[in-house]
Amino acid sequence: MFYHNQEQKEEFEKIKSEYEVETGRDVATELKEYEKFYLAEDYHQKYYLQSNSRFKSHYRDIYDLSKFIDSTAVARVNGYLGRYGTAEQLTDEIDKLGLNEQTEIYLRERYNID
């Protein structure tokens, strides 16, 4: 686990210690100071979306790779495809995700939204 400042480091150490006392087990997670962030390879970006051919082709038609990786809408759709969201959340923002009719219908069906 990486920390950015002393406060984060201390918070992690506190939580780790409490967990070890509570469970009676050592936590082996290594704690390191953040130095540099590396993007995952292209094929790892937006994994759930890239695993769904209809969404992948829809967004690849709209965005080049750098915009695809950086798009908030694409990240949100990827989360919904991975089931990291609720039907209520999706209903609230589905019009903001840039979906075509086919992909919107698919997501609505996936979340049982009429």
PDB file of N, CA and C in Angstrom:
ATOM      1  N   MET A   1       0.852  -1.158   0.000  1.00  0.00           N
ATOM      2  CA  MET A   1       0.000   0.000   0.000  1.00  0.00           C
ATOM      3  C   MET A   1       0.900   1.224   0.000  1.00  0.00           C
ATOM      4  N   PHE A   2       0.498   2.212  -0.786  1.00  0.00           N
ATOM      5  CA  PHE A   2       1.292   3.431  -0.897  1.00  0.00           C
ATOM      6  C   PHE A   2       0.632   4.575  -0.126  1.00  0.00           C
ATOM      7  N   TYR A   3       1.449   5.382   0.498  1.00  0.00           N
ATOM      8  CA  TYR A   3       0.941   6.565   1.186  1.00  0.00           C
ATOM      9  C   TYR A   3       1.577   7.809   0.578  1.00  0.00           C
ATOM     10  N   HIS A   4       0.850   8.925   0.660  1.00  0.00           N
ATOM     11  CA  HIS A   4       1.324  10.187   0.087  1.00  0.00           C
ATOM     12  C   HIS A   4       1.899  11.133   1.139  1.00  0.00           C
ATOM     13  N   ASN A   5       1.505  10.937   2.381  1.00  0.00           N
ATOM     14  CA  ASN A   5       1.977  11.846   3.423  1.00  0.00           C
ATOM     15  C   ASN A   5       1.998  11.114   4.770  1.00  0.00           C
ATOM     16  N   GLN A   6       2.550  11.778   5.762  1.00  0.00           N
ATOM     17  CA  GLN A   6       2.704  11.182   7.085  1.00  0.00           C
ATOM     18  C   GLN A   6       1.354  10.826   7.702  1.00  0.00           C
ATOM     19  N   GLU A   7       0.352  11.639   7.463  1.00  0.00           N
ATOM     20  CA  GLU A   7      -0.983  11.377   8.017  1.00  0.00           C
ATOM     21  C   GLU A   7      -1.540  10.054   7.496  1.00  0.00           C
ATOM     22  N   GLN A   8      -1.406   9.818   6.196  1.00  0.00           N
ATOM     23  CA  GLN A   8      -1.875   8.559   5.617  1.00  0.00           C
ATOM     24  C   GLN A   8      -1.102   7.370   6.191  1.00  0.00           C
ATOM     25  N   LYS A   9       0.187   7.533   6.334  1.00  0.00           N
ATOM     26  CA  LYS A   9       1.020   6.458   6.876  1.00  0.00           C
ATOM     27  C   LYS A   9       0.575   6.108   8.289  1.00  0.00           C
ATOM     28  N   GLU A  10       0.391   7.113   9.115  1.00  0.00           N
ATOM     29  CA  GLU A  10      -0.021   6.884  10.497  1.00  0.00           C
ATOM     30  C   GLU A  10      -1.405   6.250  10.574  1.00  0.00           C
ATOM     31  N   GLU A  11      -2.316   6.684   9.721  1.00  0.00           N
ATOM     32  CA  GLU A  11      -3.672   6.115   9.700  1.00  0.00           C
ATOM     33  C   GLU A  11      -3.620   4.635   9.334  1.00  0.00           C
ATOM     34  N   PHE A  12      -2.836   4.297   8.301  1.00  0.00           N
ATOM     35  CA  PHE A  12      -2.704   2.894   7.922  1.00  0.00           C
ATOM     36  C   PHE A  12      -2.113   2.070   9.059  1.00  0.00           C
ATOM     37  N   GLU A  13      -1.064   2.576   9.687  1.00  0.00           N
ATOM     38  CA  GLU A  13      -0.421   1.837  10.773  1.00  0.00           C
ATOM     39  C   GLU A  13      -1.382   1.623  11.941  1.00  0.00           C
ATOM     40  N   LYS A  14      -2.219   2.609  12.209  1.00  0.00           N
ATOM     41  CA  LYS A  14      -3.218   2.493  13.283  1.00  0.00           C
ATOM     42  C   LYS A  14      -4.238   1.403  12.939  1.00  0.00           C
ATOM     43  N   ILE A  15      -4.767   1.448  11.726  1.00  0.00           N
ATOM     44  CA  ILE A  15      -5.765   0.460  11.300  1.00  0.00           C
ATOM     45  C   ILE A  15      -5.152  -0.940  11.284  1.00  0.00           C
ATOM     46  N   LYS A  16      -3.935  -1.038  10.788  1.00  0.00           N
ATOM     47  CA  LYS A  16      -3.233  -2.325  10.742  1.00  0.00           C
ATOM     48  C   LYS A  16      -3.078  -2.896  12.143  1.00  0.00           C
ATOM     49  N   SER A  17      -2.631  -2.063  13.060  1.00  0.00           N
ATOM     50  CA  SER A  17      -2.428  -2.505  14.442  1.00  0.00           C
ATOM     51  C   SER A  17      -3.742  -2.959  15.079  1.00  0.00           C
ATOM     52  N   GLU A  18      -4.795  -2.193  14.893  1.00  0.00           N
ATOM     53  CA  GLU A  18      -6.109  -2.552  15.449  1.00  0.00           C
ATOM     54  C   GLU A  18      -6.597  -3.882  14.883  1.00  0.00           C
ATOM     55  N   TYR A  19      -6.404  -4.072  13.578  1.00  0.00           N
ATOM     56  CA  TYR A  19      -6.834  -5.309  12.936  1.00  0.00           C
ATOM     57  C   TYR A  19      -6.044  -6.502  13.464  1.00  0.00           C
ATOM     58  N   GLU A  20      -4.738  -6.320  13.641  1.00  0.00           N
ATOM     59  CA  GLU A  20      -3.904  -7.406  14.153  1.00  0.00           C
ATOM     60  C   GLU A  20      -4.326  -7.805  15.566  1.00  0.00           C
ATOM     61  N   VAL A  21      -4.651  -6.824  16.391  1.00  0.00           N
ATOM     62  CA  VAL A  21      -5.117  -7.120  17.747  1.00  0.00           C
ATOM     63  C   VAL A  21      -6.468  -7.831  17.703  1.00  0.00           C
ATOM     64  N   GLU A  22      -7.353  -7.334  16.864  1.00  0.00           N
ATOM     65  CA  GLU A  22      -8.708  -7.884  16.760  1.00  0.00           C
ATOM     66  C   GLU A  22      -8.710  -9.318  16.246  1.00  0.00           C
ATOM     67  N   THR A  23      -7.861  -9.629  15.280  1.00  0.00           N
ATOM     68  CA  THR A  23      -7.872 -10.952  14.654  1.00  0.00           C
ATOM     69  C   THR A  23      -6.808 -11.898  15.204  1.00  0.00           C
ATOM     70  N   GLY A  24      -5.800 -11.336  15.879  1.00  0.00           N
ATOM     71  CA  GLY A  24      -4.703 -12.156  16.359  1.00  0.00           C
ATOM     72  C   GLY A  24      -3.783 -12.636  15.247  1.00  0.00           C
ATOM     73  N   ARG A  25      -3.858 -11.965  14.097  1.00  0.00           N
ATOM     74  CA  ARG A  25      -3.039 -12.345  12.940  1.00  0.00           C
ATOM     75  C   ARG A  25      -2.220 -11.157  12.472  1.00  0.00           C
ATOM     76  N   ASP A  26      -1.050 -11.453  11.933  1.00  0.00           N
ATOM     77  CA  ASP A  26      -0.205 -10.399  11.373  1.00  0.00           C
ATOM     78  C   ASP A  26      -0.724  -9.972  10.010  1.00  0.00           C
ATOM     79  N   VAL A  27      -0.612  -8.689   9.727  1.00  0.00           N
ATOM     80  CA  VAL A  27      -0.937  -8.158   8.408  1.00  0.00           C
ATOM     81  C   VAL A  27       0.366  -8.039   7.641  1.00  0.00           C
ATOM     82  N   ALA A  28       0.437  -8.686   6.482  1.00  0.00           N
ATOM     83  CA  ALA A  28       1.673  -8.727   5.711  1.00  0.00           C
ATOM     84  C   ALA A  28       1.737  -7.644   4.637  1.00  0.00           C
ATOM     85  N   THR A  29       0.728  -6.813   4.563  1.00  0.00           N
ATOM     86  CA  THR A  29       0.704  -5.754   3.549  1.00  0.00           C
ATOM     87  C   THR A  29       1.879  -4.810   3.762  1.00  0.00           C
ATOM     88  N   GLU A  30       2.635  -4.597   2.697  1.00  0.00           N
ATOM     89  CA  GLU A  30       3.792  -3.717   2.763  1.00  0.00           C
ATOM     90  C   GLU A  30       3.350  -2.269   2.584  1.00  0.00           C
ATOM     91  N   LEU A  31       3.920  -1.379   3.327  1.00  0.00           N
ATOM     92  CA  LEU A  31       3.608   0.044   3.266  1.00  0.00           C
ATOM     93  C   LEU A  31       4.821   0.781   2.718  1.00  0.00           C
ATOM     94  N   LYS A  32       4.597   1.530   1.629  1.00  0.00           N
ATOM     95  CA  LYS A  32       5.693   2.272   1.004  1.00  0.00           C
ATOM     96  C   LYS A  32       5.238   3.682   0.659  1.00  0.00           C
ATOM     97  N   GLU A  33       6.200   4.580   0.648  1.00  0.00           N
ATOM     98  CA  GLU A  33       5.911   5.948   0.224  1.00  0.00           C
ATOM     99  C   GLU A  33       5.689   5.960  -1.288  1.00  0.00           C
ATOM    100  N   TYR A  34       4.640   6.656  -1.707  1.00  0.00           N
ATOM    101  CA  TYR A  34       4.335   6.785  -3.130  1.00  0.00           C
ATOM    102  C   TYR A  34       5.466   7.530  -3.823  1.00  0.00           C
ATOM    103  N   GLU A  35       5.899   7.004  -4.958  1.00  0.00           N
ATOM    104  CA  GLU A  35       6.944   7.661  -5.733  1.00  0.00           C
ATOM    105  C   GLU A  35       6.479   8.025  -7.131  1.00  0.00           C
ATOM    106  N   LYS A  36       5.889   7.074  -7.828  1.00  0.00           N
ATOM    107  CA  LYS A  36       5.484   7.320  -9.201  1.00  0.00           C
ATOM    108  C   LYS A  36       4.353   6.376  -9.558  1.00  0.00           C
ATOM    109  N   PHE A  37       3.422   6.871 -10.377  1.00  0.00           N
ATOM    110  CA  PHE A  37       2.291   6.072 -10.819  1.00  0.00           C
ATOM    111  C   PHE A  37       2.512   5.626 -12.253  1.00  0.00           C
ATOM    112  N   TYR A  38       2.241   4.368 -12.511  1.00  0.00           N
ATOM    113  CA  TYR A  38       2.354   3.824 -13.865  1.00  0.00           C
ATOM    114  C   TYR A  38       0.980   3.342 -14.310  1.00  0.00           C
ATOM    115  N   LEU A  39       0.541   3.807 -15.471  1.00  0.00           N
ATOM    116  CA  LEU A  39      -0.705   3.301 -16.034  1.00  0.00           C
ATOM    117  C   LEU A  39      -0.539   1.840 -16.410  1.00  0.00           C
ATOM    118  N   ALA A  40      -1.604   1.087 -16.253  1.00  0.00           N
ATOM    119  CA  ALA A  40      -1.592  -0.297 -16.715  1.00  0.00           C
ATOM    120  C   ALA A  40      -1.547  -0.316 -18.239  1.00  0.00           C
ATOM    121  N   GLU A  41      -1.182  -1.451 -18.792  1.00  0.00           N
ATOM    122  CA  GLU A  41      -1.159  -1.587 -20.238  1.00  0.00           C
ATOM    123  C   GLU A  41      -2.553  -1.320 -20.799  1.00  0.00           C
ATOM    124  N   ASP A  42      -2.603  -0.938 -22.072  1.00  0.00           N
ATOM    125  CA  ASP A  42      -3.870  -0.579 -22.710  1.00  0.00           C
ATOM    126  C   ASP A  42      -4.940  -1.649 -22.548  1.00  0.00           C
ATOM    127  N   TYR A  43      -4.556  -2.911 -22.685  1.00  0.00           N
ATOM    128  CA  TYR A  43      -5.556  -3.980 -22.635  1.00  0.00           C
ATOM    129  C   TYR A  43      -6.130  -4.187 -21.229  1.00  0.00           C
ATOM    130  N   HIS A  44      -5.511  -3.583 -20.211  1.00  0.00           N
ATOM    131  CA  HIS A  44      -6.054  -3.645 -18.853  1.00  0.00           C
ATOM    132  C   HIS A  44      -6.983  -2.466 -18.552  1.00  0.00           C
ATOM    133  N   GLN A  45      -6.936  -1.432 -19.360  1.00  0.00           N
ATOM    134  CA  GLN A  45      -7.744  -0.237 -19.113  1.00  0.00           C
ATOM    135  C   GLN A  45      -9.224  -0.542 -19.331  1.00  0.00           C
ATOM    136  N   LYS A  46     -10.060  -0.149 -18.370  1.00  0.00           N
ATOM    137  CA  LYS A  46     -11.509  -0.324 -18.471  1.00  0.00           C
ATOM    138  C   LYS A  46     -11.841  -1.777 -18.820  1.00  0.00           C
ATOM    139  N   TYR A  47     -11.377  -2.670 -17.989  1.00  0.00           N
ATOM    140  CA  TYR A  47     -11.432  -4.104 -18.258  1.00  0.00           C
ATOM    141  C   TYR A  47     -12.835  -4.605 -18.591  1.00  0.00           C
ATOM    142  N   TYR A  48     -13.829  -4.258 -17.781  1.00  0.00           N
ATOM    143  CA  TYR A  48     -15.175  -4.780 -18.011  1.00  0.00           C
ATOM    144  C   TYR A  48     -15.739  -4.278 -19.334  1.00  0.00           C
ATOM    145  N   LEU A  49     -15.465  -3.032 -19.631  1.00  0.00           N
ATOM    146  CA  LEU A  49     -15.945  -2.459 -20.880  1.00  0.00           C
ATOM    147  C   LEU A  49     -15.253  -3.115 -22.073  1.00  0.00           C
ATOM    148  N   GLN A  50     -13.960  -3.318 -21.985  1.00  0.00           N
ATOM    149  CA  GLN A  50     -13.241  -3.932 -23.095  1.00  0.00           C
ATOM    150  C   GLN A  50     -13.612  -5.405 -23.275  1.00  0.00           C
ATOM    151  N   SER A  51     -14.158  -6.031 -22.239  1.00  0.00           N
ATOM    152  CA  SER A  51     -14.591  -7.422 -22.338  1.00  0.00           C
ATOM    153  C   SER A  51     -15.976  -7.545 -22.963  1.00  0.00           C
ATOM    154  N   ASN A  52     -16.626  -6.425 -23.191  1.00  0.00           N
ATOM    155  CA  ASN A  52     -17.971  -6.425 -23.771  1.00  0.00           C
ATOM    156  C   ASN A  52     -17.875  -5.774 -25.147  1.00  0.00           C
ATOM    157  N   SER A  53     -17.948  -6.554 -26.184  1.00  0.00           N
ATOM    158  CA  SER A  53     -17.675  -6.059 -27.541  1.00  0.00           C
ATOM    159  C   SER A  53     -18.600  -4.921 -27.963  1.00  0.00           C
ATOM    160  N   ARG A  54     -19.864  -4.947 -27.557  1.00  0.00           N
ATOM    161  CA  ARG A  54     -20.766  -3.875 -27.994  1.00  0.00           C
ATOM    162  C   ARG A  54     -20.374  -2.529 -27.379  1.00  0.00           C
ATOM    163  N   PHE A  55     -19.965  -2.524 -26.117  1.00  0.00           N
ATOM    164  CA  PHE A  55     -19.547  -1.271 -25.489  1.00  0.00           C
ATOM    165  C   PHE A  55     -18.180  -0.830 -25.984  1.00  0.00           C
ATOM    166  N   LYS A  56     -17.290  -1.784 -26.129  1.00  0.00           N
ATOM    167  CA  LYS A  56     -15.942  -1.453 -26.594  1.00  0.00           C
ATOM    168  C   LYS A  56     -15.997  -0.792 -27.962  1.00  0.00           C
ATOM    169  N   SER A  57     -16.744  -1.372 -28.884  1.00  0.00           N
ATOM    170  CA  SER A  57     -16.794  -0.787 -30.233  1.00  0.00           C
ATOM    171  C   SER A  57     -17.504   0.562 -30.212  1.00  0.00           C
ATOM    172  N   HIS A  58     -18.533   0.710 -29.391  1.00  0.00           N
ATOM    173  CA  HIS A  58     -19.244   1.991 -29.289  1.00  0.00           C
ATOM    174  C   HIS A  58     -18.298   3.098 -28.838  1.00  0.00           C
ATOM    175  N   TYR A  59     -17.573   2.865 -27.755  1.00  0.00           N
ATOM    176  CA  TYR A  59     -16.691   3.906 -27.225  1.00  0.00           C
ATOM    177  C   TYR A  59     -15.441   4.096 -28.063  1.00  0.00           C
ATOM    178  N   ARG A  60     -14.930   3.045 -28.662  1.00  0.00           N
ATOM    179  CA  ARG A  60     -13.751   3.197 -29.516  1.00  0.00           C
ATOM    180  C   ARG A  60     -14.085   4.007 -30.766  1.00  0.00           C
ATOM    181  N   ASP A  61     -15.364   3.992 -31.172  1.00  0.00           N
ATOM    182  CA  ASP A  61     -15.783   4.836 -32.299  1.00  0.00           C
ATOM    183  C   ASP A  61     -15.807   6.308 -31.908  1.00  0.00           C
ATOM    184  N   ILE A  62     -15.997   6.588 -30.637  1.00  0.00           N
ATOM    185  CA  ILE A  62     -16.128   7.964 -30.147  1.00  0.00           C
ATOM    186  C   ILE A  62     -14.776   8.542 -29.709  1.00  0.00           C
ATOM    187  N   TYR A  63     -13.971   7.747 -29.011  1.00  0.00           N
ATOM    188  CA  TYR A  63     -12.751   8.235 -28.378  1.00  0.00           C
ATOM    189  C   TYR A  63     -11.502   7.602 -28.984  1.00  0.00           C
ATOM    190  N   ASP A  64     -10.413   8.364 -29.027  1.00  0.00           N
ATOM    191  CA  ASP A  64      -9.128   7.737 -29.283  1.00  0.00           C
ATOM    192  C   ASP A  64      -8.663   7.155 -27.943  1.00  0.00           C
ATOM    193  N   LEU A  65      -7.583   6.406 -27.932  1.00  0.00           N
ATOM    194  CA  LEU A  65      -7.177   5.665 -26.737  1.00  0.00           C
ATOM    195  C   LEU A  65      -6.954   6.556 -25.523  1.00  0.00           C
ATOM    196  N   SER A  66      -6.288   7.694 -25.676  1.00  0.00           N
ATOM    197  CA  SER A  66      -6.004   8.528 -24.506  1.00  0.00           C
ATOM    198  C   SER A  66      -7.290   9.093 -23.907  1.00  0.00           C
ATOM    199  N   LYS A  67      -8.244   9.486 -24.741  1.00  0.00           N
ATOM    200  CA  LYS A  67      -9.520   9.995 -24.226  1.00  0.00           C
ATOM    201  C   LYS A  67     -10.351   8.861 -23.634  1.00  0.00           C
ATOM    202  N   PHE A  68     -10.255   7.679 -24.217  1.00  0.00           N
ATOM    203  CA  PHE A  68     -10.938   6.499 -23.692  1.00  0.00           C
ATOM    204  C   PHE A  68     -10.456   6.206 -22.274  1.00  0.00           C
ATOM    205  N   ILE A  69      -9.163   6.239 -22.064  1.00  0.00           N
ATOM    206  CA  ILE A  69      -8.582   5.954 -20.753  1.00  0.00           C
ATOM    207  C   ILE A  69      -8.964   7.030 -19.741  1.00  0.00           C
ATOM    208  N   ASP A  70      -8.995   8.283 -20.157  1.00  0.00           N
ATOM    209  CA  ASP A  70      -9.231   9.399 -19.241  1.00  0.00           C
ATOM    210  C   ASP A  70     -10.697   9.772 -19.053  1.00  0.00           C
ATOM    211  N   SER A  71     -11.601   9.216 -19.835  1.00  0.00           N
ATOM    212  CA  SER A  71     -13.005   9.621 -19.794  1.00  0.00           C
ATOM    213  C   SER A  71     -13.703   9.176 -18.512  1.00  0.00           C
ATOM    214  N   THR A  72     -14.330  10.121 -17.835  1.00  0.00           N
ATOM    215  CA  THR A  72     -15.113   9.808 -16.646  1.00  0.00           C
ATOM    216  C   THR A  72     -16.325   8.971 -17.012  1.00  0.00           C
ATOM    217  N   ALA A  73     -16.979   9.300 -18.130  1.00  0.00           N
ATOM    218  CA  ALA A  73     -18.160   8.535 -18.554  1.00  0.00           C
ATOM    219  C   ALA A  73     -17.785   7.079 -18.834  1.00  0.00           C
ATOM    220  N   VAL A  74     -16.673   6.868 -19.500  1.00  0.00           N
ATOM    221  CA  VAL A  74     -16.229   5.506 -19.791  1.00  0.00           C
ATOM    222  C   VAL A  74     -15.922   4.771 -18.485  1.00  0.00           C
ATOM    223  N   ALA A  75     -15.300   5.442 -17.538  1.00  0.00           N
ATOM    224  CA  ALA A  75     -15.005   4.825 -16.239  1.00  0.00           C
ATOM    225  C   ALA A  75     -16.292   4.439 -15.521  1.00  0.00           C
ATOM    226  N   ARG A  76     -17.294   5.296 -15.584  1.00  0.00           N
ATOM    227  CA  ARG A  76     -18.581   5.000 -14.929  1.00  0.00           C
ATOM    228  C   ARG A  76     -19.245   3.781 -15.571  1.00  0.00           C
ATOM    229  N   VAL A  77     -19.275   3.749 -16.900  1.00  0.00           N
ATOM    230  CA  VAL A  77     -19.885   2.608 -17.597  1.00  0.00           C
ATOM    231  C   VAL A  77     -19.117   1.330 -17.265  1.00  0.00           C
ATOM    232  N   ASN A  78     -17.801   1.396 -17.260  1.00  0.00           N
ATOM    233  CA  ASN A  78     -16.991   0.238 -16.899  1.00  0.00           C
ATOM    234  C   ASN A  78     -17.388  -0.273 -15.514  1.00  0.00           C
ATOM    235  N   GLY A  79     -17.596   0.641 -14.578  1.00  0.00           N
ATOM    236  CA  GLY A  79     -18.026   0.253 -13.238  1.00  0.00           C
ATOM    237  C   GLY A  79     -19.380  -0.418 -13.235  1.00  0.00           C
ATOM    238  N   TYR A  80     -20.318   0.126 -13.979  1.00  0.00           N
ATOM    239  CA  TYR A  80     -21.643  -0.493 -14.053  1.00  0.00           C
ATOM    240  C   TYR A  80     -21.573  -1.883 -14.684  1.00  0.00           C
ATOM    241  N   LEU A  81     -20.757  -2.044 -15.714  1.00  0.00           N
ATOM    242  CA  LEU A  81     -20.607  -3.359 -16.328  1.00  0.00           C
ATOM    243  C   LEU A  81     -20.003  -4.360 -15.359  1.00  0.00           C
ATOM    244  N   GLY A  82     -19.166  -3.883 -14.445  1.00  0.00           N
ATOM    245  CA  GLY A  82     -18.577  -4.735 -13.416  1.00  0.00           C
ATOM    246  C   GLY A  82     -19.465  -4.906 -12.202  1.00  0.00           C
ATOM    247  N   ARG A  83     -20.666  -4.349 -12.260  1.00  0.00           N
ATOM    248  CA  ARG A  83     -21.662  -4.413 -11.180  1.00  0.00           C
ATOM    249  C   ARG A  83     -21.260  -3.607  -9.959  1.00  0.00           C
ATOM    250  N   TYR A  84     -20.534  -2.505 -10.196  1.00  0.00           N
ATOM    251  CA  TYR A  84     -20.157  -1.597  -9.114  1.00  0.00           C
ATOM    252  C   TYR A  84     -21.052  -0.373  -9.166  1.00  0.00           C
ATOM    253  N   GLY A  85     -22.288  -0.559  -8.855  1.00  0.00           N
ATOM    254  CA  GLY A  85     -23.262   0.518  -8.872  1.00  0.00           C
ATOM    255  C   GLY A  85     -24.639  -0.076  -8.640  1.00  0.00           C
ATOM    256  N   THR A  86     -25.577   0.801  -8.396  1.00  0.00           N
ATOM    257  CA  THR A  86     -26.946   0.349  -8.160  1.00  0.00           C
ATOM    258  C   THR A  86     -27.843   0.804  -9.301  1.00  0.00           C
ATOM    259  N   ALA A  87     -29.008   0.203  -9.375  1.00  0.00           N
ATOM    260  CA  ALA A  87     -29.982   0.598 -10.389  1.00  0.00           C
ATOM    261  C   ALA A  87     -30.367   2.066 -10.205  1.00  0.00           C
ATOM    262  N   GLU A  88     -30.461   2.500  -8.965  1.00  0.00           N
ATOM    263  CA  GLU A  88     -30.820   3.890  -8.687  1.00  0.00           C
ATOM    264  C   GLU A  88     -29.741   4.851  -9.196  1.00  0.00           C
ATOM    265  N   GLN A  89     -28.485   4.504  -8.951  1.00  0.00           N
ATOM    266  CA  GLN A  89     -27.392   5.354  -9.434  1.00  0.00           C
ATOM    267  C   GLN A  89     -27.381   5.413 -10.959  1.00  0.00           C
ATOM    268  N   LEU A  90     -27.543   4.271 -11.578  1.00  0.00           N
ATOM    269  CA  LEU A  90     -27.547   4.226 -13.034  1.00  0.00           C
ATOM    270  C   LEU A  90     -28.712   5.039 -13.594  1.00  0.00           C
ATOM    271  N   THR A  91     -29.878   4.909 -13.008  1.00  0.00           N
ATOM    272  CA  THR A  91     -31.049   5.671 -13.459  1.00  0.00           C
ATOM    273  C   THR A  91     -30.784   7.165 -13.376  1.00  0.00           C
ATOM    274  N   ASP A  92     -30.119   7.597 -12.305  1.00  0.00           N
ATOM    275  CA  ASP A  92     -29.839   9.021 -12.109  1.00  0.00           C
ATOM    276  C   ASP A  92     -28.879   9.596 -13.139  1.00  0.00           C
ATOM    277  N   GLU A  93     -27.972   8.761 -13.682  1.00  0.00           N
ATOM    278  CA  GLU A  93     -26.959   9.322 -14.566  1.00  0.00           C
ATOM    279  C   GLU A  93     -26.886   8.715 -15.961  1.00  0.00           C
ATOM    280  N   ILE A  94     -27.807   7.850 -16.306  1.00  0.00           N
ATOM    281  CA  ILE A  94     -27.693   7.150 -17.588  1.00  0.00           C
ATOM    282  C   ILE A  94     -27.676   8.108 -18.778  1.00  0.00           C
ATOM    283  N   ASP A  95     -28.369   9.225 -18.669  1.00  0.00           N
ATOM    284  CA  ASP A  95     -28.403  10.195 -19.775  1.00  0.00           C
ATOM    285  C   ASP A  95     -27.088  10.944 -19.942  1.00  0.00           C
ATOM    286  N   LYS A  96     -26.197  10.848 -18.981  1.00  0.00           N
ATOM    287  CA  LYS A  96     -24.923  11.574 -19.024  1.00  0.00           C
ATOM    288  C   LYS A  96     -23.755  10.705 -19.487  1.00  0.00           C
ATOM    289  N   LEU A  97     -24.018   9.445 -19.830  1.00  0.00           N
ATOM    290  CA  LEU A  97     -22.947   8.502 -20.111  1.00  0.00           C
ATOM    291  C   LEU A  97     -22.586   8.378 -21.588  1.00  0.00           C
ATOM    292  N   GLY A  98     -23.296   9.071 -22.450  1.00  0.00           N
ATOM    293  CA  GLY A  98     -22.969   9.054 -23.875  1.00  0.00           C
ATOM    294  C   GLY A  98     -23.258   7.729 -24.550  1.00  0.00           C
ATOM    295  N   LEU A  99     -24.270   7.025 -24.072  1.00  0.00           N
ATOM    296  CA  LEU A  99     -24.601   5.722 -24.629  1.00  0.00           C
ATOM    297  C   LEU A  99     -25.458   5.847 -25.885  1.00  0.00           C
ATOM    298  N   ASN A 100     -25.260   4.933 -26.821  1.00  0.00           N
ATOM    299  CA  ASN A 100     -26.190   4.865 -27.944  1.00  0.00           C
ATOM    300  C   ASN A 100     -27.385   4.026 -27.495  1.00  0.00           C
ATOM    301  N   GLU A 101     -28.394   3.924 -28.321  1.00  0.00           N
ATOM    302  CA  GLU A 101     -29.628   3.241 -27.923  1.00  0.00           C
ATOM    303  C   GLU A 101     -29.378   1.783 -27.534  1.00  0.00           C
ATOM    304  N   GLN A 102     -28.566   1.094 -28.311  1.00  0.00           N
ATOM    305  CA  GLN A 102     -28.289  -0.319 -28.063  1.00  0.00           C
ATOM    306  C   GLN A 102     -27.590  -0.535 -26.721  1.00  0.00           C
ATOM    307  N   THR A 103     -26.582   0.270 -26.431  1.00  0.00           N
ATOM    308  CA  THR A 103     -25.846   0.085 -25.177  1.00  0.00           C
ATOM    309  C   THR A 103     -26.671   0.540 -23.969  1.00  0.00           C
ATOM    310  N   GLU A 104     -27.502   1.564 -24.153  1.00  0.00           N
ATOM    311  CA  GLU A 104     -28.375   1.980 -23.057  1.00  0.00           C
ATOM    312  C   GLU A 104     -29.378   0.885 -22.717  1.00  0.00           C
ATOM    313  N   ILE A 105     -29.975   0.293 -23.720  1.00  0.00           N
ATOM    314  CA  ILE A 105     -30.931  -0.799 -23.492  1.00  0.00           C
ATOM    315  C   ILE A 105     -30.241  -1.954 -22.764  1.00  0.00           C
ATOM    316  N   TYR A 106     -29.035  -2.298 -23.206  1.00  0.00           N
ATOM    317  CA  TYR A 106     -28.292  -3.385 -22.573  1.00  0.00           C
ATOM    318  C   TYR A 106     -28.056  -3.098 -21.088  1.00  0.00           C
ATOM    319  N   LEU A 107     -27.609  -1.903 -20.749  1.00  0.00           N
ATOM    320  CA  LEU A 107     -27.360  -1.571 -19.342  1.00  0.00           C
ATOM    321  C   LEU A 107     -28.654  -1.555 -18.539  1.00  0.00           C
ATOM    322  N   ARG A 108     -29.709  -1.002 -19.106  1.00  0.00           N
ATOM    323  CA  ARG A 108     -31.001  -0.995 -18.401  1.00  0.00           C
ATOM    324  C   ARG A 108     -31.458  -2.424 -18.106  1.00  0.00           C
ATOM    325  N   GLU A 109     -31.310  -3.316 -19.075  1.00  0.00           N
ATOM    326  CA  GLU A 109     -31.704  -4.706 -18.866  1.00  0.00           C
ATOM    327  C   GLU A 109     -30.826  -5.372 -17.809  1.00  0.00           C
ATOM    328  N   ARG A 110     -29.558  -5.080 -17.839  1.00  0.00           N
ATOM    329  CA  ARG A 110     -28.611  -5.665 -16.877  1.00  0.00           C
ATOM    330  C   ARG A 110     -28.970  -5.285 -15.431  1.00  0.00           C
ATOM    331  N   TYR A 111     -29.515  -4.089 -15.258  1.00  0.00           N
ATOM    332  CA  TYR A 111     -29.888  -3.600 -13.924  1.00  0.00           C
ATOM    333  C   TYR A 111     -31.403  -3.668 -13.683  1.00  0.00           C
ATOM    334  N   ASN A 112     -32.122  -4.342 -14.573  1.00  0.00           N
ATOM    335  CA  ASN A 112     -33.576  -4.506 -14.443  1.00  0.00           C
ATOM    336  C   ASN A 112     -34.290  -3.166 -14.301  1.00  0.00           C
ATOM    337  N   ILE A 113     -33.928  -2.228 -15.169  1.00  0.00           N
ATOM    338  CA  ILE A 113     -34.560  -0.910 -15.177  1.00  0.00           C
ATOM    339  C   ILE A 113     -35.482  -0.867 -16.392  1.00  0.00           C
ATOM    340  N   ASP A 114     -36.726  -0.482 -16.160  1.00  0.00           N
ATOM    341  CA  ASP A 114     -37.697  -0.362 -17.269  1.00  0.00           C
ATOM    342  C   ASP A 114     -37.394   0.811 -18.162  1.00  0.00           C
TER     343      ASP A 114
END
